[in-house]
Amino acid sequence: MLRDRPDRGRARRCAGACLLASILALPLVSCTDGEPPGGDPADGGEHAHVAPHGGALIVLGEEIAHVELIFDPGSGRAEAHILDAHAERGVPIDAMELRFAAEGIAAPLILLPVASALTGEETGRTSHFAGSWPELAGRTEFAATLESIRVRGVEFRGVAFRFPEGNEGAGKHDDPAPGDPEHEEHEEHDGHDGHDGHDH
């Protein structure tokens, strides 16, 4: 009988360790609801940002930055905020205007820079633009294009989006203008593809 006691001790210790491991694992299952972290695998792990002012988010490049467009259908008033990659902070740019074109509307939307004593941003270098688009008054949905914008050294042209959805999750968001670093990187990559015959 004395020889059985060590075996019983090991059995008790093993049972205790298994119980502790089970208890520690419970919160992990509860927090994830059985899904892997990082989002639903079906959507490729993509994440959507939230527009801080309730407008439409327009993604520039591979999330180099965002433009948030706010439009009031009742008055035709419009605003644009240039935001960072996470759509959280303002990114001042050197520009005297932003131009948008809407399908079926001849007149463009021209937004002018807004200075702010609170942030220290000045006309000509600001993250906030405002103007009016009376031709679109009464419209709550429309397709439009941001004609051009230069952010963080990269220029983008013809950035298409829909209001109020924006263009997140719409695939390729825009083409950097020729001569910009991102454009040259794409050109080099395309040339490489032509030599090795593989798709990337």
N, C-alpha and C. Protein backbone atom coordinates (compact mmCIF):
# COMPACT_ATOMS: atom_id res chain seq x y z
N MET A 1 0.83 -1.20 0.00
CA MET A 1 0.00 0.00 0.00
C MET A 1 0.86 1.25 0.00
N LEU A 2 2.01 1.20 0.67
CA LEU A 2 2.84 2.38 0.73
C LEU A 2 3.39 2.73 -0.65
N ARG A 3 3.59 1.71 -1.54
CA ARG A 3 4.12 2.00 -2.85
C ARG A 3 3.14 2.75 -3.72
N ASP A 4 1.85 2.62 -3.44
CA ASP A 4 0.84 3.27 -4.27
C ASP A 4 0.74 4.76 -4.00
N ARG A 5 1.21 5.21 -2.85
CA ARG A 5 1.02 6.62 -2.48
C ARG A 5 1.70 7.60 -3.45
N PRO A 6 2.96 7.37 -3.90
CA PRO A 6 3.57 8.30 -4.87
C PRO A 6 2.76 8.40 -6.14
N ASP A 7 2.20 7.27 -6.65
CA ASP A 7 1.40 7.31 -7.86
C ASP A 7 0.15 8.14 -7.64
N ARG A 8 -0.47 7.97 -6.46
CA ARG A 8 -1.66 8.76 -6.17
C ARG A 8 -1.32 10.24 -6.09
N GLY A 9 -0.14 10.58 -5.53
CA GLY A 9 0.28 11.97 -5.45
C GLY A 9 0.46 12.58 -6.83
N ARG A 10 1.11 11.80 -7.71
CA ARG A 10 1.30 12.31 -9.07
C ARG A 10 -0.03 12.48 -9.77
N ALA A 11 -0.96 11.59 -9.56
CA ALA A 11 -2.29 11.68 -10.18
C ALA A 11 -3.01 12.93 -9.71
N ARG A 12 -2.90 13.21 -8.37
CA ARG A 12 -3.55 14.42 -7.85
C ARG A 12 -2.94 15.67 -8.45
N ARG A 13 -1.58 15.70 -8.55
CA ARG A 13 -0.93 16.88 -9.11
C ARG A 13 -1.31 17.08 -10.58
N CYS A 14 -1.41 15.98 -11.32
CA CYS A 14 -1.78 16.06 -12.74
C CYS A 14 -3.20 16.59 -12.89
N ALA A 15 -4.11 16.08 -12.02
CA ALA A 15 -5.50 16.54 -12.08
C ALA A 15 -5.59 18.02 -11.76
N GLY A 16 -4.80 18.44 -10.74
CA GLY A 16 -4.80 19.86 -10.37
C GLY A 16 -4.29 20.74 -11.50
N ALA A 17 -3.23 20.31 -12.17
CA ALA A 17 -2.66 21.09 -13.28
C ALA A 17 -3.64 21.18 -14.44
N CYS A 18 -4.34 20.07 -14.73
CA CYS A 18 -5.32 20.08 -15.83
C CYS A 18 -6.47 21.02 -15.51
N LEU A 19 -6.93 21.03 -14.25
CA LEU A 19 -8.01 21.92 -13.84
C LEU A 19 -7.60 23.38 -13.97
N LEU A 20 -6.36 23.70 -13.55
CA LEU A 20 -5.86 25.08 -13.65
C LEU A 20 -5.77 25.52 -15.11
N ALA A 21 -5.28 24.63 -15.98
CA ALA A 21 -5.17 24.97 -17.40
C ALA A 21 -6.54 25.22 -18.00
N SER A 22 -7.54 24.44 -17.57
CA SER A 22 -8.89 24.64 -18.08
C SER A 22 -9.45 25.98 -17.66
N ILE A 23 -9.20 26.36 -16.39
CA ILE A 23 -9.70 27.64 -15.88
C ILE A 23 -9.05 28.81 -16.62
N LEU A 24 -7.73 28.73 -16.86
CA LEU A 24 -7.02 29.81 -17.55
C LEU A 24 -7.47 29.94 -18.99
N ALA A 25 -7.89 28.85 -19.61
CA ALA A 25 -8.28 28.89 -21.03
C ALA A 25 -9.66 29.48 -21.22
N LEU A 26 -10.52 29.44 -20.18
CA LEU A 26 -11.90 29.91 -20.32
C LEU A 26 -12.02 31.35 -20.77
N PRO A 27 -11.29 32.32 -20.18
CA PRO A 27 -11.44 33.72 -20.63
C PRO A 27 -11.08 33.93 -22.09
N LEU A 28 -10.11 33.14 -22.61
CA LEU A 28 -9.71 33.31 -24.01
C LEU A 28 -10.84 32.91 -24.93
N VAL A 29 -11.52 31.84 -24.63
CA VAL A 29 -12.65 31.39 -25.45
C VAL A 29 -13.78 32.39 -25.37
N SER A 30 -14.03 32.91 -24.17
CA SER A 30 -15.12 33.86 -23.98
C SER A 30 -14.90 35.16 -24.74
N CYS A 31 -13.64 35.66 -24.76
CA CYS A 31 -13.36 36.94 -25.39
C CYS A 31 -13.41 36.86 -26.89
N THR A 32 -13.01 35.73 -27.48
CA THR A 32 -12.93 35.66 -28.93
C THR A 32 -14.18 35.07 -29.56
N ASP A 33 -15.08 34.49 -28.75
CA ASP A 33 -16.29 33.85 -29.28
C ASP A 33 -15.96 32.80 -30.33
N GLY A 34 -14.82 32.14 -30.15
CA GLY A 34 -14.47 31.08 -31.07
C GLY A 34 -13.91 31.57 -32.39
N GLU A 35 -13.70 32.89 -32.58
CA GLU A 35 -13.16 33.42 -33.83
C GLU A 35 -11.72 33.84 -33.63
N PRO A 36 -10.87 33.68 -34.63
CA PRO A 36 -9.47 34.09 -34.49
C PRO A 36 -9.37 35.59 -34.42
N PRO A 37 -8.36 36.15 -33.71
CA PRO A 37 -8.21 37.59 -33.63
C PRO A 37 -7.86 38.18 -34.99
N GLY A 38 -8.16 39.49 -35.15
CA GLY A 38 -7.80 40.17 -36.39
C GLY A 38 -8.92 40.23 -37.39
N GLY A 39 -10.14 39.83 -36.99
CA GLY A 39 -11.28 39.99 -37.89
C GLY A 39 -11.69 38.66 -38.50
N ASP A 40 -12.76 38.69 -39.27
CA ASP A 40 -13.32 37.53 -39.93
C ASP A 40 -12.39 37.09 -41.05
N PRO A 41 -11.99 35.82 -41.09
CA PRO A 41 -11.10 35.36 -42.16
C PRO A 41 -11.71 35.58 -43.54
N ALA A 42 -13.04 35.60 -43.62
CA ALA A 42 -13.70 35.73 -44.91
C ALA A 42 -13.44 37.07 -45.55
N ASP A 43 -13.17 38.10 -44.74
CA ASP A 43 -12.93 39.41 -45.32
C ASP A 43 -11.45 39.73 -45.46
N GLY A 44 -10.59 38.72 -45.27
CA GLY A 44 -9.16 38.92 -45.46
C GLY A 44 -8.52 39.72 -44.36
N GLY A 45 -9.21 39.90 -43.20
CA GLY A 45 -8.63 40.63 -42.10
C GLY A 45 -8.69 42.14 -42.28
N GLU A 46 -9.42 42.63 -43.30
CA GLU A 46 -9.49 44.06 -43.52
C GLU A 46 -10.26 44.74 -42.39
N HIS A 47 -9.94 46.00 -42.15
CA HIS A 47 -10.61 46.73 -41.12
C HIS A 47 -11.12 48.04 -41.69
N ALA A 48 -12.24 48.50 -41.16
CA ALA A 48 -12.82 49.76 -41.61
C ALA A 48 -12.57 50.83 -40.56
N HIS A 49 -12.35 52.06 -41.02
CA HIS A 49 -12.16 53.17 -40.11
C HIS A 49 -13.47 53.91 -39.93
N VAL A 50 -13.54 54.68 -38.86
CA VAL A 50 -14.74 55.46 -38.55
C VAL A 50 -14.44 56.93 -38.83
N ALA A 51 -15.30 57.56 -39.62
CA ALA A 51 -15.12 58.98 -39.93
C ALA A 51 -15.37 59.80 -38.66
N PRO A 52 -14.40 60.57 -38.20
CA PRO A 52 -14.55 61.29 -36.92
C PRO A 52 -15.61 62.38 -36.94
N HIS A 53 -15.99 62.88 -38.15
CA HIS A 53 -17.00 63.94 -38.23
C HIS A 53 -18.30 63.44 -38.85
N GLY A 54 -18.41 62.12 -39.03
CA GLY A 54 -19.64 61.55 -39.57
C GLY A 54 -19.79 61.66 -41.07
N GLY A 55 -18.69 61.94 -41.80
CA GLY A 55 -18.76 62.08 -43.24
C GLY A 55 -18.38 60.81 -43.97
N ALA A 56 -18.07 60.95 -45.27
CA ALA A 56 -17.64 59.83 -46.10
C ALA A 56 -16.12 59.78 -46.13
N LEU A 57 -15.54 58.60 -45.86
CA LEU A 57 -14.09 58.45 -45.85
C LEU A 57 -13.58 58.03 -47.23
N ILE A 58 -12.61 58.78 -47.72
CA ILE A 58 -11.99 58.51 -49.02
C ILE A 58 -10.54 58.11 -48.75
N VAL A 59 -10.19 56.88 -49.08
CA VAL A 59 -8.85 56.37 -48.82
C VAL A 59 -7.91 56.78 -49.94
N LEU A 60 -6.71 57.20 -49.58
CA LEU A 60 -5.69 57.56 -50.56
C LEU A 60 -4.58 56.52 -50.55
N GLY A 61 -4.37 55.84 -51.67
CA GLY A 61 -3.33 54.83 -51.77
C GLY A 61 -3.57 53.69 -50.81
N GLU A 62 -2.49 53.09 -50.37
CA GLU A 62 -2.57 52.01 -49.38
C GLU A 62 -2.66 52.64 -48.00
N GLU A 63 -3.72 53.40 -47.80
CA GLU A 63 -3.98 54.08 -46.53
C GLU A 63 -2.84 55.02 -46.15
N ILE A 64 -2.31 55.73 -47.14
CA ILE A 64 -1.34 56.78 -46.84
C ILE A 64 -2.04 57.87 -46.04
N ALA A 65 -3.28 58.14 -46.38
CA ALA A 65 -4.08 59.15 -45.68
C ALA A 65 -5.54 58.96 -46.07
N HIS A 66 -6.41 59.76 -45.47
CA HIS A 66 -7.84 59.76 -45.79
C HIS A 66 -8.31 61.19 -46.02
N VAL A 67 -9.36 61.32 -46.80
CA VAL A 67 -10.09 62.58 -46.90
C VAL A 67 -11.51 62.29 -46.44
N GLU A 68 -11.97 63.05 -45.47
CA GLU A 68 -13.36 62.90 -45.02
C GLU A 68 -14.19 64.03 -45.62
N LEU A 69 -15.20 63.67 -46.42
CA LEU A 69 -16.08 64.66 -47.03
C LEU A 69 -17.40 64.70 -46.27
N ILE A 70 -17.75 65.89 -45.83
CA ILE A 70 -19.02 66.12 -45.13
C ILE A 70 -19.89 66.97 -46.04
N PHE A 71 -21.13 66.54 -46.28
CA PHE A 71 -22.03 67.27 -47.15
C PHE A 71 -23.41 67.36 -46.52
N ASP A 72 -23.97 68.57 -46.50
CA ASP A 72 -25.31 68.81 -45.96
C ASP A 72 -26.27 68.97 -47.14
N PRO A 73 -27.13 67.98 -47.41
CA PRO A 73 -28.04 68.06 -48.55
C PRO A 73 -29.01 69.24 -48.46
N GLY A 74 -29.33 69.66 -47.25
CA GLY A 74 -30.29 70.75 -47.09
C GLY A 74 -29.76 72.09 -47.56
N SER A 75 -28.51 72.38 -47.24
CA SER A 75 -27.94 73.68 -47.57
C SER A 75 -26.93 73.63 -48.72
N GLY A 76 -26.42 72.44 -49.03
CA GLY A 76 -25.39 72.32 -50.04
C GLY A 76 -24.00 72.62 -49.51
N ARG A 77 -23.89 72.89 -48.22
CA ARG A 77 -22.58 73.17 -47.62
C ARG A 77 -21.75 71.90 -47.56
N ALA A 78 -20.44 72.06 -47.76
CA ALA A 78 -19.54 70.90 -47.75
C ALA A 78 -18.24 71.25 -47.04
N GLU A 79 -17.65 70.23 -46.43
CA GLU A 79 -16.35 70.38 -45.77
C GLU A 79 -15.52 69.14 -46.07
N ALA A 80 -14.22 69.30 -46.02
CA ALA A 80 -13.31 68.17 -46.16
C ALA A 80 -12.23 68.26 -45.10
N HIS A 81 -11.91 67.13 -44.50
CA HIS A 81 -10.84 67.05 -43.51
C HIS A 81 -9.81 66.04 -44.02
N ILE A 82 -8.54 66.45 -44.05
CA ILE A 82 -7.46 65.55 -44.44
C ILE A 82 -6.98 64.85 -43.17
N LEU A 83 -7.03 63.52 -43.17
CA LEU A 83 -6.74 62.73 -41.97
C LEU A 83 -5.59 61.76 -42.23
N ASP A 84 -5.05 61.24 -41.14
CA ASP A 84 -3.92 60.31 -41.24
C ASP A 84 -4.38 58.91 -41.66
N ALA A 85 -3.46 57.96 -41.62
CA ALA A 85 -3.75 56.61 -42.08
C ALA A 85 -4.84 55.93 -41.27
N HIS A 86 -5.00 56.33 -40.01
CA HIS A 86 -6.01 55.73 -39.14
C HIS A 86 -7.28 56.57 -39.08
N ALA A 87 -7.34 57.64 -39.86
CA ALA A 87 -8.50 58.53 -39.90
C ALA A 87 -8.80 59.09 -38.51
N GLU A 88 -7.73 59.49 -37.81
CA GLU A 88 -7.89 60.02 -36.46
C GLU A 88 -7.38 61.45 -36.31
N ARG A 89 -6.25 61.77 -36.90
CA ARG A 89 -5.63 63.08 -36.72
C ARG A 89 -5.59 63.85 -38.04
N GLY A 90 -5.66 65.17 -37.94
CA GLY A 90 -5.58 66.00 -39.12
C GLY A 90 -4.17 66.03 -39.69
N VAL A 91 -4.08 66.07 -41.02
CA VAL A 91 -2.79 66.15 -41.72
C VAL A 91 -2.81 67.40 -42.59
N PRO A 92 -2.16 68.48 -42.18
CA PRO A 92 -2.14 69.70 -43.00
C PRO A 92 -1.44 69.47 -44.33
N ILE A 93 -1.98 70.06 -45.39
CA ILE A 93 -1.36 69.96 -46.71
C ILE A 93 -1.21 71.36 -47.30
N ASP A 94 -0.28 71.48 -48.24
CA ASP A 94 -0.07 72.75 -48.94
C ASP A 94 -1.00 72.78 -50.14
N ALA A 95 -2.13 73.45 -50.02
CA ALA A 95 -3.09 73.53 -51.12
C ALA A 95 -3.98 74.75 -50.92
N MET A 96 -4.35 75.39 -52.02
CA MET A 96 -5.24 76.54 -51.96
C MET A 96 -6.67 76.18 -52.28
N GLU A 97 -6.89 74.92 -52.71
CA GLU A 97 -8.26 74.46 -52.95
C GLU A 97 -8.27 72.96 -53.15
N LEU A 98 -9.44 72.37 -52.97
CA LEU A 98 -9.71 70.98 -53.33
C LEU A 98 -10.90 70.98 -54.29
N ARG A 99 -10.80 70.21 -55.37
CA ARG A 99 -11.88 70.16 -56.36
C ARG A 99 -12.48 68.76 -56.43
N PHE A 100 -13.80 68.72 -56.43
CA PHE A 100 -14.53 67.47 -56.59
C PHE A 100 -15.48 67.61 -57.79
N ALA A 101 -15.69 66.50 -58.48
CA ALA A 101 -16.65 66.47 -59.58
C ALA A 101 -17.65 65.36 -59.30
N ALA A 102 -18.95 65.65 -59.56
CA ALA A 102 -20.00 64.66 -59.33
C ALA A 102 -20.61 64.25 -60.66
N GLU A 103 -21.01 62.99 -60.77
CA GLU A 103 -21.63 62.50 -62.00
C GLU A 103 -22.93 63.26 -62.27
N GLY A 104 -23.07 63.74 -63.50
CA GLY A 104 -24.29 64.42 -63.89
C GLY A 104 -24.36 65.88 -63.48
N ILE A 105 -23.31 66.39 -62.82
CA ILE A 105 -23.29 67.79 -62.38
C ILE A 105 -22.13 68.50 -63.07
N ALA A 106 -22.45 69.58 -63.80
CA ALA A 106 -21.42 70.29 -64.56
C ALA A 106 -20.49 71.08 -63.66
N ALA A 107 -21.06 71.74 -62.66
CA ALA A 107 -20.24 72.60 -61.79
C ALA A 107 -19.48 71.76 -60.77
N PRO A 108 -18.18 72.00 -60.60
CA PRO A 108 -17.41 71.26 -59.61
C PRO A 108 -17.63 71.83 -58.20
N LEU A 109 -17.28 71.04 -57.22
CA LEU A 109 -17.24 71.53 -55.84
C LEU A 109 -15.83 72.03 -55.59
N ILE A 110 -15.71 73.29 -55.19
CA ILE A 110 -14.41 73.87 -54.87
C ILE A 110 -14.39 74.21 -53.39
N LEU A 111 -13.53 73.55 -52.66
CA LEU A 111 -13.39 73.79 -51.23
C LEU A 111 -12.12 74.60 -50.98
N LEU A 112 -12.23 75.61 -50.14
CA LEU A 112 -11.12 76.51 -49.85
C LEU A 112 -10.56 76.24 -48.45
N PRO A 113 -9.29 76.52 -48.24
CA PRO A 113 -8.66 76.24 -46.94
C PRO A 113 -9.25 77.06 -45.81
N VAL A 114 -9.31 76.43 -44.64
CA VAL A 114 -9.84 77.08 -43.44
C VAL A 114 -8.74 77.14 -42.40
N ALA A 115 -8.42 78.35 -41.95
CA ALA A 115 -7.42 78.52 -40.89
C ALA A 115 -8.05 78.25 -39.53
N SER A 116 -7.23 77.87 -38.57
CA SER A 116 -7.72 77.58 -37.23
C SER A 116 -6.73 78.09 -36.19
N ALA A 117 -7.21 78.99 -35.33
CA ALA A 117 -6.36 79.48 -34.24
C ALA A 117 -6.13 78.39 -33.20
N LEU A 118 -7.09 77.46 -33.11
CA LEU A 118 -6.99 76.39 -32.12
C LEU A 118 -5.85 75.42 -32.45
N THR A 119 -5.75 75.04 -33.73
CA THR A 119 -4.73 74.08 -34.14
C THR A 119 -3.46 74.75 -34.67
N GLY A 120 -3.56 76.05 -34.96
CA GLY A 120 -2.41 76.75 -35.51
C GLY A 120 -2.28 76.60 -37.01
N GLU A 121 -3.26 75.94 -37.66
CA GLU A 121 -3.21 75.76 -39.11
C GLU A 121 -3.56 77.08 -39.80
N GLU A 122 -2.92 77.32 -40.92
CA GLU A 122 -3.10 78.58 -41.63
C GLU A 122 -3.61 78.34 -43.05
N THR A 123 -4.14 79.37 -43.67
CA THR A 123 -4.57 79.29 -45.05
C THR A 123 -3.37 78.95 -45.93
N GLY A 124 -3.51 77.94 -46.74
CA GLY A 124 -2.40 77.49 -47.57
C GLY A 124 -1.71 76.27 -47.01
N ARG A 125 -1.86 76.02 -45.73
CA ARG A 125 -1.36 74.78 -45.11
C ARG A 125 -2.30 74.41 -43.98
N THR A 126 -3.29 73.62 -44.33
CA THR A 126 -4.32 73.25 -43.36
C THR A 126 -4.85 71.87 -43.69
N SER A 127 -5.57 71.27 -42.74
CA SER A 127 -6.22 69.98 -42.96
C SER A 127 -7.72 70.13 -43.14
N HIS A 128 -8.21 71.38 -43.13
CA HIS A 128 -9.65 71.65 -43.17
C HIS A 128 -9.98 72.55 -44.35
N PHE A 129 -10.95 72.13 -45.16
CA PHE A 129 -11.40 72.89 -46.32
C PHE A 129 -12.93 72.97 -46.28
N ALA A 130 -13.48 74.06 -46.81
CA ALA A 130 -14.93 74.24 -46.77
C ALA A 130 -15.42 75.00 -47.99
N GLY A 131 -16.68 74.79 -48.33
CA GLY A 131 -17.27 75.47 -49.47
C GLY A 131 -18.73 75.10 -49.61
N SER A 132 -19.28 75.32 -50.80
CA SER A 132 -20.70 75.07 -51.05
C SER A 132 -20.89 74.41 -52.41
N TRP A 133 -21.85 73.51 -52.49
CA TRP A 133 -22.17 72.81 -53.74
C TRP A 133 -23.68 72.86 -53.93
N PRO A 134 -24.23 74.04 -54.24
CA PRO A 134 -25.69 74.20 -54.34
C PRO A 134 -26.32 73.31 -55.40
N GLU A 135 -25.55 72.96 -56.43
CA GLU A 135 -26.10 72.10 -57.49
C GLU A 135 -26.47 70.71 -56.98
N LEU A 136 -25.87 70.31 -55.87
CA LEU A 136 -26.18 68.99 -55.31
C LEU A 136 -27.14 69.06 -54.13
N ALA A 137 -27.67 70.24 -53.84
CA ALA A 137 -28.60 70.39 -52.72
C ALA A 137 -29.79 69.46 -52.92
N GLY A 138 -30.16 68.78 -51.85
CA GLY A 138 -31.27 67.84 -51.90
C GLY A 138 -30.85 66.41 -52.21
N ARG A 139 -29.61 66.21 -52.64
CA ARG A 139 -29.12 64.86 -52.96
C ARG A 139 -28.45 64.26 -51.73
N THR A 140 -28.89 63.08 -51.35
CA THR A 140 -28.28 62.40 -50.19
C THR A 140 -27.28 61.34 -50.64
N GLU A 141 -27.28 60.98 -51.92
CA GLU A 141 -26.35 59.98 -52.45
C GLU A 141 -25.86 60.46 -53.81
N PHE A 142 -24.59 60.25 -54.08
CA PHE A 142 -24.04 60.59 -55.39
C PHE A 142 -22.66 59.96 -55.56
N ALA A 143 -22.27 59.80 -56.82
CA ALA A 143 -20.93 59.32 -57.16
C ALA A 143 -20.08 60.53 -57.53
N ALA A 144 -18.85 60.56 -57.04
CA ALA A 144 -18.01 61.74 -57.27
C ALA A 144 -16.55 61.33 -57.38
N THR A 145 -15.72 62.31 -57.73
CA THR A 145 -14.28 62.11 -57.88
C THR A 145 -13.53 63.28 -57.28
N LEU A 146 -12.55 62.98 -56.47
CA LEU A 146 -11.61 64.00 -55.99
C LEU A 146 -10.57 64.18 -57.08
N GLU A 147 -10.51 65.38 -57.69
CA GLU A 147 -9.70 65.57 -58.89
C GLU A 147 -8.22 65.36 -58.62
N SER A 148 -7.68 65.98 -57.60
CA SER A 148 -6.26 65.77 -57.27
C SER A 148 -5.98 66.26 -55.86
N ILE A 149 -4.99 65.62 -55.26
CA ILE A 149 -4.56 66.02 -53.92
C ILE A 149 -3.14 65.49 -53.71
N ARG A 150 -2.34 66.27 -53.03
CA ARG A 150 -0.97 65.85 -52.69
C ARG A 150 -0.85 65.78 -51.17
N VAL A 151 -0.55 64.59 -50.68
CA VAL A 151 -0.43 64.34 -49.24
C VAL A 151 0.86 63.59 -48.97
N ARG A 152 1.66 64.11 -48.05
CA ARG A 152 2.90 63.46 -47.64
C ARG A 152 3.80 63.12 -48.82
N GLY A 153 3.90 64.06 -49.75
CA GLY A 153 4.81 63.90 -50.86
C GLY A 153 4.30 63.07 -52.02
N VAL A 154 3.06 62.58 -51.94
CA VAL A 154 2.49 61.76 -53.01
C VAL A 154 1.25 62.45 -53.55
N GLU A 155 1.16 62.57 -54.89
CA GLU A 155 -0.01 63.19 -55.50
C GLU A 155 -0.94 62.12 -56.05
N PHE A 156 -2.23 62.29 -55.79
CA PHE A 156 -3.25 61.37 -56.27
C PHE A 156 -4.22 62.12 -57.16
N ARG A 157 -4.64 61.48 -58.25
CA ARG A 157 -5.56 62.10 -59.19
C ARG A 157 -6.72 61.17 -59.49
N GLY A 158 -7.89 61.76 -59.66
CA GLY A 158 -9.06 60.98 -60.05
C GLY A 158 -9.46 59.93 -59.04
N VAL A 159 -9.56 60.32 -57.78
CA VAL A 159 -9.92 59.37 -56.71
C VAL A 159 -11.45 59.25 -56.66
N ALA A 160 -11.97 58.14 -57.12
CA ALA A 160 -13.42 57.93 -57.21
C ALA A 160 -13.97 57.42 -55.88
N PHE A 161 -15.20 57.82 -55.57
CA PHE A 161 -15.88 57.36 -54.36
C PHE A 161 -17.38 57.60 -54.50
N ARG A 162 -18.12 57.08 -53.58
CA ARG A 162 -19.55 57.33 -53.50
C ARG A 162 -19.86 57.99 -52.16
N PHE A 163 -20.83 58.87 -52.18
CA PHE A 163 -21.27 59.50 -50.94
C PHE A 163 -22.64 58.92 -50.59
N PRO A 164 -22.87 58.49 -49.37
CA PRO A 164 -22.04 58.68 -48.17
C PRO A 164 -21.12 57.52 -47.84
N GLU A 165 -21.03 56.51 -48.72
CA GLU A 165 -20.27 55.30 -48.37
C GLU A 165 -18.76 55.52 -48.32
N GLY A 166 -18.22 56.43 -49.14
CA GLY A 166 -16.78 56.55 -49.26
C GLY A 166 -16.26 55.47 -50.19
N ASN A 167 -14.98 55.15 -50.10
CA ASN A 167 -14.40 54.12 -50.99
C ASN A 167 -13.62 53.05 -50.25
N GLU A 168 -13.75 52.97 -48.94
CA GLU A 168 -13.07 51.90 -48.21
C GLU A 168 -13.69 50.56 -48.59
N GLY A 169 -12.84 49.58 -48.84
CA GLY A 169 -13.32 48.26 -49.21
C GLY A 169 -13.70 48.17 -50.67
N ALA A 170 -13.39 49.21 -51.47
CA ALA A 170 -13.78 49.21 -52.88
C ALA A 170 -12.64 48.78 -53.79
N GLY A 171 -11.63 48.10 -53.24
CA GLY A 171 -10.49 47.66 -54.05
C GLY A 171 -9.47 48.76 -54.21
N LYS A 172 -8.95 48.93 -55.44
CA LYS A 172 -7.91 49.93 -55.69
C LYS A 172 -8.52 51.31 -55.56
N HIS A 173 -7.92 52.16 -54.74
CA HIS A 173 -8.54 53.43 -54.41
C HIS A 173 -8.15 54.55 -55.34
N ASP A 174 -7.00 54.49 -55.95
CA ASP A 174 -6.55 55.58 -56.80
C ASP A 174 -5.20 55.25 -57.40
N ASP A 175 -4.76 56.09 -58.32
CA ASP A 175 -3.45 55.94 -58.93
C ASP A 175 -2.59 57.14 -58.58
N PRO A 176 -1.43 56.94 -57.97
CA PRO A 176 -0.52 58.07 -57.76
C PRO A 176 -0.14 58.67 -59.10
N ALA A 177 0.07 59.97 -59.12
CA ALA A 177 0.42 60.65 -60.35
C ALA A 177 1.83 60.27 -60.79
N PRO A 178 2.10 60.26 -62.10
CA PRO A 178 3.46 59.95 -62.60
C PRO A 178 4.50 60.86 -61.97
N GLY A 179 5.68 60.28 -61.66
CA GLY A 179 6.75 61.07 -61.06
C GLY A 179 6.78 61.01 -59.57
N ASP A 180 5.72 60.49 -58.94
CA ASP A 180 5.71 60.37 -57.49
C ASP A 180 6.36 59.07 -57.07
N PRO A 181 6.95 59.02 -55.86
CA PRO A 181 7.66 57.81 -55.42
C PRO A 181 6.79 56.57 -55.49
N GLU A 182 5.52 56.68 -55.08
CA GLU A 182 4.68 55.49 -55.08
C GLU A 182 4.41 55.03 -56.51
N HIS A 183 4.24 55.99 -57.44
CA HIS A 183 4.02 55.64 -58.83
C HIS A 183 5.23 54.92 -59.39
N GLU A 184 6.44 55.42 -59.10
CA GLU A 184 7.65 54.80 -59.61
C GLU A 184 7.83 53.40 -59.05
N GLU A 185 7.42 53.21 -57.80
CA GLU A 185 7.52 51.88 -57.21
C GLU A 185 6.61 50.91 -57.94
N HIS A 186 5.39 51.37 -58.30
CA HIS A 186 4.48 50.52 -59.05
C HIS A 186 5.04 50.20 -60.43
N GLU A 187 5.67 51.21 -61.10
CA GLU A 187 6.23 50.99 -62.42
C GLU A 187 7.32 49.93 -62.38
N GLU A 188 8.20 50.02 -61.36
CA GLU A 188 9.30 49.06 -61.22
C GLU A 188 8.76 47.67 -60.98
N HIS A 189 7.71 47.58 -60.16
CA HIS A 189 7.11 46.29 -59.85
C HIS A 189 6.48 45.68 -61.10
N ASP A 190 5.79 46.52 -61.90
CA ASP A 190 5.15 46.03 -63.12
C ASP A 190 6.19 45.52 -64.11
N GLY A 191 7.34 46.24 -64.21
CA GLY A 191 8.40 45.78 -65.11
C GLY A 191 8.97 44.45 -64.70
N HIS A 192 9.07 44.24 -63.41
CA HIS A 192 9.58 42.97 -62.89
C HIS A 192 8.65 41.85 -63.26
N ASP A 193 7.33 42.12 -63.16
CA ASP A 193 6.34 41.09 -63.48
C ASP A 193 6.49 40.64 -64.92
N GLY A 194 6.80 41.59 -65.81
CA GLY A 194 6.89 41.25 -67.22
C GLY A 194 8.05 40.32 -67.51
N HIS A 195 9.11 40.33 -66.67
CA HIS A 195 10.28 39.51 -66.94
C HIS A 195 10.11 38.09 -66.43
N ASP A 196 9.51 37.93 -65.27
CA ASP A 196 9.50 36.58 -64.70
C ASP A 196 8.23 35.80 -65.07
N GLY A 197 7.22 36.53 -65.62
CA GLY A 197 6.04 35.83 -66.10
C GLY A 197 5.13 35.34 -65.02
N HIS A 198 5.35 35.78 -63.77
CA HIS A 198 4.48 35.35 -62.68
C HIS A 198 3.55 36.47 -62.31
N ASP A 199 2.36 36.10 -61.86
CA ASP A 199 1.41 37.10 -61.37
C ASP A 199 1.66 37.34 -59.91
N HIS A 200 1.50 38.62 -59.47
CA HIS A 200 1.71 38.94 -58.07
C HIS A 200 0.44 39.51 -57.52
